[in-house]
Protein backbone atom coordinates (compact mmCIF):
# COMPACT_ATOMS: atom_id res chain seq x y z
CA MET A 1 0.00 0.00 0.00
CA ILE A 2 1.10 3.56 -0.59
CA ASN A 3 1.24 6.57 1.67
CA GLU A 4 -1.76 8.92 1.43
CA GLY A 5 0.64 11.85 0.88
CA HIS A 6 1.41 10.55 -2.60
CA MET A 7 -2.20 10.49 -3.77
CA ASP A 8 -1.97 13.79 -5.69
CA ASP A 9 -0.51 12.15 -8.80
CA MET A 10 -2.76 9.09 -8.58
CA LEU A 11 -5.81 8.40 -10.74
CA THR A 12 -8.83 6.20 -10.13
CA VAL A 13 -9.94 3.30 -12.31
CA SER A 14 -12.72 5.38 -13.88
CA GLU A 15 -10.40 8.33 -14.59
CA VAL A 16 -7.84 6.16 -16.36
CA ALA A 17 -10.51 4.19 -18.22
CA ARG A 18 -11.89 7.48 -19.55
CA LEU A 19 -8.41 8.66 -20.59
CA LEU A 20 -7.69 5.40 -22.42
CA HIS A 21 -11.21 5.05 -23.85
CA VAL A 22 -11.64 1.57 -22.42
CA HIS A 23 -14.12 -0.04 -20.04
CA PRO A 24 -13.02 -0.06 -16.39
CA ASN A 25 -13.05 -3.86 -16.42
CA THR A 26 -10.56 -3.82 -19.31
CA LEU A 27 -8.25 -1.63 -17.24
CA ARG A 28 -8.60 -3.97 -14.26
CA ARG A 29 -7.77 -6.95 -16.48
CA TRP A 30 -4.70 -5.12 -17.83
CA SER A 31 -3.49 -4.38 -14.31
CA ASN A 32 -4.12 -7.99 -13.22
CA SER A 33 -1.96 -9.19 -16.12
CA GLY A 34 0.78 -6.63 -15.41
CA ARG A 35 0.27 -4.60 -18.56
CA ILE A 36 -0.38 -1.47 -16.44
CA LYS A 37 0.92 -1.04 -12.88
CA ALA A 38 -1.82 -0.54 -10.27
CA TYR A 39 -1.34 0.37 -6.63
CA ARG A 40 -3.66 -0.90 -3.90
CA ILE A 41 -4.45 1.89 -1.47
CA ASN A 42 -6.59 0.65 1.40
CA LEU A 43 -7.87 -2.44 3.16
CA ARG A 44 -10.53 -2.85 0.49
CA GLY A 45 -7.82 -2.97 -2.17
CA ASP A 46 -8.98 -0.06 -4.34
CA ARG A 47 -6.70 0.50 -7.30
CA ARG A 48 -4.95 3.71 -8.17
CA TYR A 49 -2.71 4.44 -11.10
CA ARG A 50 0.22 6.83 -11.25
CA LEU A 51 -0.10 9.47 -13.92
CA ARG A 52 3.49 8.92 -15.06
CA ASP A 53 2.81 5.18 -15.51
CA ILE A 54 -0.20 5.95 -17.71
CA GLU A 55 1.82 8.48 -19.71
CA GLY A 56 4.49 5.82 -20.24
CA PHE A 57 1.87 3.30 -21.30
CA LEU A 58 0.47 5.76 -23.85
CA ALA A 59 3.95 6.57 -25.15
CA GLN A 60 4.64 2.86 -25.57
CA LEU A 61 1.35 2.40 -27.46
CA ASN A 62 2.16 5.33 -29.75
CA SER A 63 5.66 3.97 -30.36
CA HIS A 64 4.23 0.59 -31.39
CA ARG A 65 1.68 2.26 -33.68
CA ASP A 66 4.34 4.42 -35.30
CA SER A 67 6.67 1.48 -35.93
CA ALA A 68 3.80 -0.64 -37.27
CA SER A 69 2.77 2.09 -39.71
CA GLY A 70 6.36 2.79 -40.83
CA VAL A 71 6.55 6.29 -39.35
CA CYS A 72 10.05 7.27 -38.23
């Protein structure tokens, strides 16, 4: 679990799902498989995502798209 003081750069499941244009269950499945790092924040096990991890995930997706389309 993480310290509550570091919550300012953390996003909820619904916030990240909206950013990525996916269903929240898709995001949960991705974090279960390790595709996106999730942090559990309380006894209930709610997930939070670091903004910089999501930015890295998006950059990686864009890199794969660019290389697949032949863009340099």
